[in-house]
Amino acid sequence: MGRGPHRTTHRTSGPRKAVRESCAATAEAAARLTAAGADVHHGSLDDLDDLRKAAASADGVVHLAFKHDIAFSGDHPGAVAADHRAIEALGDGLAGSDRPLVIASGIIGLGDGRVLTERDGTADAPAAEETNARLANAHLTRALAARGARSSVVRLAPTVHGAGDYGFVPALIGIARDKGVSGYVDDGANRWPAVHRLDAARLFRLAVESAPVGATLHGVADEGVPARTIAEVIGRRLGIPVVAVPRAEADEHFGWIAGVFASDIPTSNALTRELLGWEPTQIGFVEDLDRHYFDTPAA
């Protein structure tokens, strides 16, 4: 699964074609796809004409890339704007085809302190979209159904865990190593949903194959893991104290991830399971964190 900043890899596999956004180094991604029997075409999120042409020749498109590099360095609006342009280009290529377009979106920003469902954030709500630009991009994707694309949205948990994870959790581990303590915000009762990368991959496959037009799906297995539990595993594995960080000091302690780690966003997957028959089968986040995240220094 990809979360690459710029590169895209277009693949053809047997009689079915797809567009795959790759997070790995280009040569490495191409080698893996080639080994799996796919034809590879290199592209870029910024090459909109290439995205249109690739989508037009594909039997289905899965859009997973996002410019996390510029988002994490402070230009989140720029990353979202690039995503918006890419979705428009892919929609142009699939217009009138009744072929699937599935994009990756997120849970963060949908709400705070209650269990979120697939119905949250799906209405045409301009006020909400002004404060959550990725929500606007998800709405754009669903709206492509009116142009004849079988579009759907997979909202991923903030933690997509497993081998190759370089997202929020490795960042937290790196902060803990740097600070000499493993922190959580206030009482640490706020909850993070999570999903194993292999369960998420299977959900994207099901979405391509059978998601109804305009569907919103939740790539979530663990409904909500308390932040304190995450911090406790990190502290135990690093052999450092686990401490509460007051919210007023969280930005200084955690940096760019402070607001995200303080979010309380428990999330249900009930409607997704009912709609597609998807059942997560991989190990849970806490067990995976304890097993696999401390062999090498965090990026």
Protein backbone atom coordinates (compact mmCIF):
# COMPACT_ATOMS: atom_id res chain seq x y z
CA MET A 1 0.00 0.00 0.00
CA GLY A 2 1.25 3.43 -0.82
CA ARG A 3 1.60 6.72 0.91
CA GLY A 4 4.26 8.09 -1.38
CA PRO A 5 4.80 11.81 -1.69
CA HIS A 6 5.10 12.25 -5.44
CA ARG A 7 5.72 9.10 -7.40
CA THR A 8 3.04 6.98 -8.99
CA THR A 9 3.36 3.53 -10.44
CA HIS A 10 0.79 2.40 -12.97
CA ARG A 11 0.40 -1.33 -13.18
CA THR A 12 -1.28 -3.87 -15.41
CA SER A 13 -1.99 -7.30 -13.95
CA GLY A 14 -3.45 -10.02 -16.16
CA PRO A 15 -6.65 -8.88 -17.85
CA ARG A 16 -7.31 -6.19 -15.26
CA LYS A 17 -5.48 -2.87 -15.06
CA ALA A 18 -5.06 -0.46 -12.17
CA VAL A 19 -3.23 2.68 -11.16
CA ARG A 20 -1.14 2.20 -8.04
CA GLU A 21 0.38 5.02 -6.03
CA SER A 22 3.64 3.65 -4.66
CA CYS A 23 5.31 4.75 -1.43
CA ALA A 24 8.55 2.82 -1.96
CA ALA A 25 11.59 4.01 -3.84
CA THR A 26 10.67 3.88 -7.51
CA ALA A 27 13.07 1.12 -8.48
CA GLU A 28 12.07 -0.99 -5.49
CA ALA A 29 8.36 -0.52 -6.17
CA ALA A 30 8.81 -1.34 -9.84
CA ALA A 31 10.77 -4.49 -9.00
CA ARG A 32 8.06 -5.74 -6.65
CA LEU A 33 5.32 -5.12 -9.18
CA THR A 34 7.28 -6.71 -11.98
CA ALA A 35 7.94 -9.77 -9.79
CA ALA A 36 4.18 -10.02 -9.23
CA GLY A 37 3.60 -10.14 -12.99
CA ALA A 38 2.62 -6.51 -13.49
CA ASP A 39 3.66 -4.04 -16.16
CA VAL A 40 5.00 -0.82 -14.64
CA HIS A 41 4.67 2.77 -15.78
CA HIS A 42 6.34 5.55 -13.75
CA GLY A 43 4.56 8.83 -13.24
CA SER A 44 4.06 11.71 -10.83
CA LEU A 45 1.21 13.31 -8.92
CA ASP A 46 2.16 16.55 -10.61
CA ASP A 47 1.89 15.16 -14.15
CA LEU A 48 -1.86 15.53 -14.55
CA ASP A 49 -1.94 14.65 -18.25
CA ASP A 50 -0.18 11.39 -17.47
CA LEU A 51 -2.71 10.62 -14.71
CA ARG A 52 -5.62 11.26 -17.10
CA LYS A 53 -4.15 9.00 -19.78
CA ALA A 54 -3.32 6.24 -17.32
CA ALA A 55 -6.81 6.32 -15.80
CA ALA A 56 -8.43 6.29 -19.23
CA SER A 57 -6.57 3.08 -20.13
CA ALA A 58 -7.21 1.35 -16.78
CA ASP A 59 -10.00 -0.96 -15.70
CA GLY A 60 -9.84 0.60 -12.25
CA VAL A 61 -7.88 3.19 -10.28
CA VAL A 62 -6.74 3.11 -6.64
CA HIS A 63 -5.34 6.47 -5.57
CA LEU A 64 -3.15 6.13 -2.47
CA ALA A 65 -0.42 8.74 -2.83
CA PHE A 66 -0.25 11.96 -0.83
CA LYS A 67 2.49 14.55 -0.47
CA HIS A 68 3.25 13.75 3.15
CA ASP A 69 6.70 15.27 2.86
CA ILE A 70 5.39 18.80 2.34
CA ALA A 71 2.39 18.22 4.62
CA PHE A 72 4.62 17.28 7.55
CA SER A 73 6.96 20.19 6.86
CA GLY A 74 4.14 22.71 7.23
CA ASP A 75 2.45 22.95 3.83
CA HIS A 76 -0.58 20.75 4.45
CA PRO A 77 -2.80 23.00 2.26
CA GLY A 78 -0.36 22.49 -0.62
CA ALA A 79 -0.46 18.72 -0.20
CA VAL A 80 -4.26 18.71 -0.14
CA ALA A 81 -4.41 20.95 -3.21
CA ALA A 82 -2.13 18.57 -5.11
CA ASP A 83 -4.38 15.69 -4.08
CA HIS A 84 -7.42 17.62 -5.31
CA ARG A 85 -5.85 18.17 -8.73
CA ALA A 86 -4.85 14.51 -8.99
CA ILE A 87 -8.38 13.32 -8.16
CA GLU A 88 -9.82 15.68 -10.77
CA ALA A 89 -7.39 14.32 -13.38
CA LEU A 90 -8.18 10.71 -12.54
CA GLY A 91 -11.89 11.53 -12.70
CA ASP A 92 -11.40 13.06 -16.15
CA GLY A 93 -9.79 9.85 -17.34
CA LEU A 94 -12.60 7.66 -15.98
CA ALA A 95 -15.55 9.90 -16.92
CA GLY A 96 -18.39 7.97 -18.55
CA SER A 97 -16.66 4.62 -18.09
CA ASP A 98 -18.50 3.15 -15.06
CA ARG A 99 -15.07 1.94 -13.91
CA PRO A 100 -13.95 2.18 -10.27
CA LEU A 101 -11.97 4.97 -8.66
CA VAL A 102 -11.09 4.35 -5.01
CA ILE A 103 -9.18 6.96 -3.03
CA ALA A 104 -7.56 6.84 0.39
CA SER A 105 -8.77 9.45 2.84
CA GLY A 106 -8.55 9.76 6.63
CA ILE A 107 -10.47 9.71 9.88
CA ILE A 108 -8.70 12.64 11.54
CA GLY A 109 -10.80 15.80 11.52
CA LEU A 110 -14.20 14.14 11.27
CA GLY A 111 -15.07 14.62 14.93
CA ASP A 112 -13.81 14.28 18.45
CA GLY A 113 -14.92 12.26 21.46
CA ARG A 114 -17.58 10.01 19.93
CA VAL A 115 -17.59 6.87 17.82
CA LEU A 116 -17.47 7.91 14.17
CA THR A 117 -19.34 5.97 11.51
CA GLU A 118 -19.20 5.82 7.73
CA ARG A 119 -22.13 8.24 7.61
CA ASP A 120 -20.18 11.05 9.26
CA GLY A 121 -18.84 13.68 6.89
CA THR A 122 -20.60 12.35 3.79
CA ALA A 123 -23.14 15.14 3.30
CA ASP A 124 -22.42 18.16 1.16
CA ALA A 125 -21.42 20.37 4.07
CA PRO A 126 -19.37 23.39 2.90
CA ALA A 127 -18.73 24.62 6.46
CA ALA A 128 -17.12 21.33 7.44
CA GLU A 129 -15.12 21.23 4.22
CA GLU A 130 -13.65 24.64 4.95
CA THR A 131 -12.00 23.23 8.08
CA ASN A 132 -11.19 19.79 6.65
CA ALA A 133 -9.88 20.05 3.12
CA ARG A 134 -9.34 16.29 2.80
CA LEU A 135 -13.04 15.89 3.52
CA ALA A 136 -13.67 18.16 0.54
CA ASN A 137 -11.47 15.91 -1.62
CA ALA A 138 -13.45 12.88 -0.50
CA HIS A 139 -16.64 14.67 -1.44
CA LEU A 140 -15.12 15.52 -4.83
CA THR A 141 -14.42 11.82 -5.35
CA ARG A 142 -17.97 10.75 -4.52
CA ALA A 143 -19.31 13.49 -6.80
CA LEU A 144 -17.45 11.93 -9.74
CA ALA A 145 -20.23 9.34 -9.78
CA ALA A 146 -22.32 11.96 -11.58
CA ARG A 147 -19.73 11.90 -14.37
CA GLY A 148 -19.93 8.15 -14.79
CA ALA A 149 -17.12 6.88 -12.56
CA ARG A 150 -17.81 4.23 -9.90
CA SER A 151 -16.12 6.26 -7.22
CA SER A 152 -15.72 5.40 -3.53
CA VAL A 153 -13.67 6.52 -0.54
CA VAL A 154 -11.72 4.43 1.97
CA ARG A 155 -11.03 6.35 5.16
CA LEU A 156 -7.95 4.90 6.77
CA ALA A 157 -7.25 4.86 10.48
CA PRO A 158 -4.40 7.19 11.49
CA THR A 159 -2.33 4.09 12.24
CA VAL A 160 -1.97 1.63 9.35
CA HIS A 161 0.42 -0.71 11.10
CA GLY A 162 2.73 -3.47 9.97
CA ALA A 163 6.03 -3.81 8.14
CA GLY A 164 6.91 -0.65 6.25
CA ASP A 165 4.97 1.73 8.49
CA TYR A 166 6.74 5.09 8.56
CA GLY A 167 3.83 7.20 9.75
CA PHE A 168 2.65 8.51 13.11
CA VAL A 169 3.77 5.65 15.34
CA PRO A 170 7.42 5.60 14.21
CA ALA A 171 7.34 9.38 14.69
CA LEU A 172 6.14 8.92 18.28
CA ILE A 173 8.88 6.37 18.90
CA GLY A 174 11.45 8.80 17.53
CA ILE A 175 10.16 11.59 19.78
CA ALA A 176 10.31 9.28 22.81
CA ARG A 177 13.90 8.33 22.01
CA ASP A 178 14.83 11.98 21.60
CA LYS A 179 13.08 13.20 24.76
CA GLY A 180 14.01 10.25 26.98
CA VAL A 181 10.37 9.81 28.03
CA SER A 182 7.32 8.32 26.35
CA GLY A 183 4.52 10.84 26.61
CA TYR A 184 0.78 10.99 26.21
CA VAL A 185 -1.45 14.10 26.34
CA ASP A 186 -3.33 14.90 29.58
CA ASP A 187 -4.74 11.62 30.95
CA GLY A 188 -4.09 9.66 27.74
CA ALA A 189 -7.69 8.43 27.55
CA ASN A 190 -8.16 9.71 24.00
CA ARG A 191 -8.45 6.88 21.48
CA TRP A 192 -6.84 6.11 18.13
CA PRO A 193 -8.30 3.61 15.66
CA ALA A 194 -5.89 1.36 13.80
CA VAL A 195 -5.79 -1.23 11.01
CA HIS A 196 -3.18 -3.70 9.79
CA ARG A 197 -1.83 -2.89 6.35
CA LEU A 198 -2.83 -6.30 4.95
CA ASP A 199 -6.42 -5.90 6.14
CA ALA A 200 -6.47 -2.42 4.60
CA ALA A 201 -5.11 -3.78 1.31
CA ARG A 202 -7.88 -6.37 1.18
CA LEU A 203 -10.46 -3.65 1.78
CA PHE A 204 -9.16 -1.66 -1.18
CA ARG A 205 -9.42 -4.77 -3.36
CA LEU A 206 -13.02 -5.31 -2.28
CA ALA A 207 -13.79 -1.64 -2.93
CA VAL A 208 -12.44 -1.89 -6.47
CA GLU A 209 -14.42 -5.05 -7.12
CA SER A 210 -17.76 -4.31 -5.52
CA ALA A 211 -18.13 -1.01 -3.64
CA PRO A 212 -21.35 0.76 -4.59
CA VAL A 213 -21.11 4.12 -6.31
CA GLY A 214 -20.41 6.87 -3.83
CA ALA A 215 -19.65 4.53 -0.91
CA THR A 216 -17.65 5.65 2.10
CA LEU A 217 -15.76 2.82 3.78
CA HIS A 218 -13.77 2.65 7.01
CA GLY A 219 -10.37 0.96 6.97
CA VAL A 220 -10.44 0.39 10.72
CA ALA A 221 -9.94 -2.76 12.78
CA ASP A 222 -9.19 -1.58 16.35
CA GLU A 223 -11.98 0.87 17.11
CA GLY A 224 -9.96 2.91 19.56
CA VAL A 225 -6.67 2.27 21.38
CA PRO A 226 -6.04 4.68 24.28
CA ALA A 227 -3.05 6.95 23.70
CA ARG A 228 -1.73 6.04 27.15
CA THR A 229 -1.61 2.37 26.12
CA ILE A 230 0.47 3.30 23.07
CA ALA A 231 2.83 5.38 25.20
CA GLU A 232 3.16 2.57 27.74
CA VAL A 233 4.25 0.05 25.12
CA ILE A 234 6.77 2.52 23.70
CA GLY A 235 8.11 3.34 27.15
CA ARG A 236 8.44 -0.31 28.15
CA ARG A 237 10.17 -1.29 24.94
CA LEU A 238 12.60 1.66 25.09
CA GLY A 239 13.16 1.34 28.82
CA ILE A 240 12.19 4.94 29.53
CA PRO A 241 9.59 6.60 31.82
CA VAL A 242 6.01 7.07 30.66
CA VAL A 243 4.73 10.56 31.46
CA ALA A 244 1.63 12.71 31.07
CA VAL A 245 2.20 15.86 29.02
CA PRO A 246 -0.27 18.70 29.74
CA ARG A 247 -2.12 19.85 26.63
CA ALA A 248 -0.60 23.32 27.01
CA GLU A 249 2.87 21.78 26.63
CA ALA A 250 2.01 19.18 23.98
CA ASP A 251 2.98 21.27 20.97
CA GLU A 252 6.45 21.85 22.37
CA HIS A 253 6.90 18.21 23.38
CA PHE A 254 5.43 16.42 20.35
CA GLY A 255 5.86 19.02 17.61
CA TRP A 256 3.72 18.64 14.49
CA ILE A 257 2.10 15.42 15.73
CA ALA A 258 0.72 16.94 18.96
CA GLY A 259 -2.80 17.68 17.73
CA VAL A 260 -3.08 14.34 16.00
CA PHE A 261 -1.91 12.34 19.02
CA ALA A 262 -4.34 14.26 21.26
CA SER A 263 -7.33 13.45 19.03
CA ASP A 264 -10.09 11.25 20.44
CA ILE A 265 -11.49 9.58 17.33
CA PRO A 266 -12.85 6.08 18.04
CA THR A 267 -14.23 4.75 14.77
CA SER A 268 -16.66 2.00 13.79
CA ASN A 269 -16.31 -0.30 10.77
CA ALA A 270 -19.77 -1.89 11.11
CA LEU A 271 -21.28 -0.48 7.92
CA THR A 272 -18.18 -1.37 5.86
CA ARG A 273 -18.25 -4.96 7.10
CA GLU A 274 -21.96 -5.22 6.35
CA LEU A 275 -21.62 -3.69 2.89
CA LEU A 276 -18.60 -5.63 1.59
CA GLY A 277 -18.27 -8.61 3.92
CA TRP A 278 -14.84 -7.36 4.99
CA GLU A 279 -13.49 -8.85 8.21
CA PRO A 280 -10.07 -7.84 9.59
CA THR A 281 -8.03 -10.96 10.35
CA GLN A 282 -4.51 -9.70 11.14
CA ILE A 283 -3.02 -9.07 14.59
CA GLY A 284 -4.16 -5.99 16.48
CA PHE A 285 -2.24 -2.77 16.76
CA VAL A 286 -0.96 -3.11 20.35
CA GLU A 287 0.38 -6.61 19.70
CA ASP A 288 1.98 -5.49 16.43
CA LEU A 289 3.52 -2.43 18.10
CA ASP A 290 5.02 -4.59 20.82
CA ARG A 291 6.45 -7.08 18.32
CA HIS A 292 7.73 -5.20 15.32
CA TYR A 293 8.48 -1.51 15.85
CA PHE A 294 11.69 -1.53 17.87
CA ASP A 295 14.15 -3.58 15.84
CA THR A 296 15.62 -0.51 14.13
CA PRO A 297 15.72 3.17 15.07
CA ALA A 298 12.61 5.09 14.05
CA ALA A 299 12.88 7.33 11.02
